[in-house]
Protein backbone atom coordinates (compact mmCIF):
# COMPACT_ATOMS: atom_id res chain seq x y z
CA UNK A 1 -20.23 40.98 -39.38
CA UNK A 2 -18.82 37.57 -38.73
CA UNK A 3 -16.88 34.79 -40.37
CA UNK A 4 -18.43 31.40 -40.79
CA UNK A 5 -16.07 28.47 -41.37
CA UNK A 6 -17.44 24.93 -42.20
CA UNK A 7 -15.04 22.00 -42.29
CA UNK A 8 -16.43 18.96 -44.13
CA UNK A 9 -15.11 15.33 -43.73
CA UNK A 10 -17.45 13.75 -46.26
CA UNK A 11 -17.55 14.57 -49.94
CA UNK A 12 -21.25 13.87 -50.22
CA UNK A 13 -22.00 16.80 -47.70
CA UNK A 14 -20.51 19.49 -50.00
CA UNK A 15 -23.46 19.62 -52.30
CA UNK A 16 -25.93 19.91 -49.33
CA UNK A 17 -23.85 22.58 -47.63
CA UNK A 18 -23.26 24.54 -50.91
CA UNK A 19 -27.13 24.59 -51.61
CA UNK A 20 -27.87 25.81 -48.11
CA UNK A 21 -25.38 28.59 -48.22
CA UNK A 22 -26.78 29.70 -51.64
CA UNK A 23 -30.34 29.48 -50.06
CA UNK A 24 -29.07 31.88 -47.48
CA UNK A 25 -27.73 34.17 -49.95
CA UNK A 26 -24.08 33.66 -48.98
CA UNK A 27 -22.58 33.78 -52.51
CA UNK A 28 -19.12 34.97 -51.44
CA UNK A 29 -18.27 31.56 -49.94
CA UNK A 30 -14.82 30.17 -50.79
CA UNK A 31 -14.27 26.43 -50.97
CA UNK A 32 -10.79 25.40 -50.03
CA UNK A 33 -9.61 21.84 -50.85
CA UNK A 34 -7.28 20.62 -48.05
CA UNK A 35 -5.52 17.64 -46.54
CA UNK A 36 -5.37 16.74 -42.87
CA UNK A 37 -2.18 17.13 -41.08
CA UNK A 38 -2.11 13.50 -40.20
CA UNK A 39 -1.94 12.62 -43.96
CA UNK A 40 1.10 14.81 -44.44
CA UNK A 41 2.82 13.50 -41.29
CA UNK A 42 2.35 9.97 -42.29
CA UNK A 43 4.04 10.45 -45.71
CA UNK A 44 6.75 12.47 -44.20
CA UNK A 45 7.69 10.74 -41.00
CA UNK A 46 8.04 6.95 -40.33
CA UNK A 47 7.03 7.51 -36.61
CA UNK A 48 3.65 8.81 -37.75
CA UNK A 49 3.24 5.99 -40.26
CA UNK A 50 3.56 3.60 -37.35
CA UNK A 51 0.72 5.38 -35.65
CA UNK A 52 -1.42 5.01 -38.68
CA UNK A 53 -0.79 1.29 -38.76
CA UNK A 54 -1.87 1.17 -35.15
CA UNK A 55 -4.93 3.36 -35.13
CA UNK A 56 -6.06 3.06 -38.75
CA UNK A 57 -6.34 5.60 -41.58
CA UNK A 58 -8.51 8.62 -41.30
CA UNK A 59 -10.53 10.18 -44.08
CA UNK A 60 -8.43 11.92 -46.72
CA UNK A 61 -11.32 14.13 -47.80
CA UNK A 62 -11.17 17.61 -46.37
CA UNK A 63 -13.11 20.75 -47.55
CA UNK A 64 -13.29 24.02 -45.77
CA UNK A 65 -15.87 26.70 -46.71
CA UNK A 66 -15.21 30.29 -45.53
CA UNK A 67 -17.89 33.03 -45.85
CA UNK A 68 -18.64 36.40 -44.41
CA UNK A 69 -22.05 36.38 -42.67
CA UNK A 70 -23.90 39.45 -41.33
CA UNK A 71 -24.71 38.20 -37.96
CA UNK A 72 -25.06 35.23 -35.54
CA UNK A 73 -28.72 34.73 -36.55
CA UNK A 74 -27.39 33.67 -39.94
CA UNK A 75 -25.10 31.10 -38.34
CA UNK A 76 -27.84 29.75 -36.41
CA UNK A 77 -30.18 29.56 -39.44
CA UNK A 78 -27.42 27.74 -41.41
CA UNK A 79 -27.26 25.07 -38.59
CA UNK A 80 -30.98 24.77 -38.45
CA UNK A 81 -31.14 24.21 -42.16
CA UNK A 82 -28.28 21.63 -41.88
CA UNK A 83 -30.26 19.70 -39.23
CA UNK A 84 -33.31 19.72 -41.58
CA UNK A 85 -31.13 17.98 -44.20
CA UNK A 86 -29.96 15.39 -41.69
CA UNK A 87 -26.54 16.97 -41.41
CA UNK A 88 -25.47 17.11 -37.78
CA UNK A 89 -22.01 18.43 -36.97
CA UNK A 90 -22.19 16.96 -33.52
CA UNK A 91 -21.76 13.51 -34.97
CA UNK A 92 -18.42 11.93 -35.41
CA UNK A 93 -16.70 12.11 -38.90
CA UNK A 94 -18.97 14.89 -40.13
CA UNK A 95 -16.87 17.94 -39.58
CA UNK A 96 -17.20 21.11 -37.55
CA UNK A 97 -18.62 24.69 -37.81
CA UNK A 98 -17.13 27.77 -36.23
CA UNK A 99 -17.92 31.46 -36.28
CA UNK A 100 -15.99 34.45 -34.96
CA UNK A 101 -16.33 38.19 -35.20
CA UNK A 102 -14.70 40.03 -38.10
CA UNK A 103 -13.08 43.20 -37.03
CA UNK A 104 -11.80 44.10 -40.44
CA UNK A 105 -13.24 43.78 -44.00
CA UNK A 106 -12.58 45.43 -47.20
CA UNK A 107 -14.77 44.52 -50.17
CA UNK A 108 -17.94 45.43 -51.98
CA UNK A 109 -21.10 45.82 -49.88
CA UNK A 110 -22.79 42.94 -51.72
CA UNK A 111 -20.04 40.52 -50.59
CA UNK A 112 -21.81 39.85 -47.32
């Protein structure tokens, strides 16, 4: 078993990714609403605010999807389906995907 994490930087990609995860039968996916550390830093520290003025403001949108997957083949299938929908995580301002082995899991069998 593995953990698949998908970090999205564009709101319009959430529906596409959610649909693909459902298509793959990954119903135990959690969607976490977040905020980038740069946004927090800017509001808390004047030094970081000056960096924002210098380099411009990044995207405030941030969603991370976390789901257990049975194997690496499922991860590759997810990426293949994303490419078929025109979603390329290698492009800037899209987000990222990572997967790692899960050494411990407690939950119902149908959670994976």
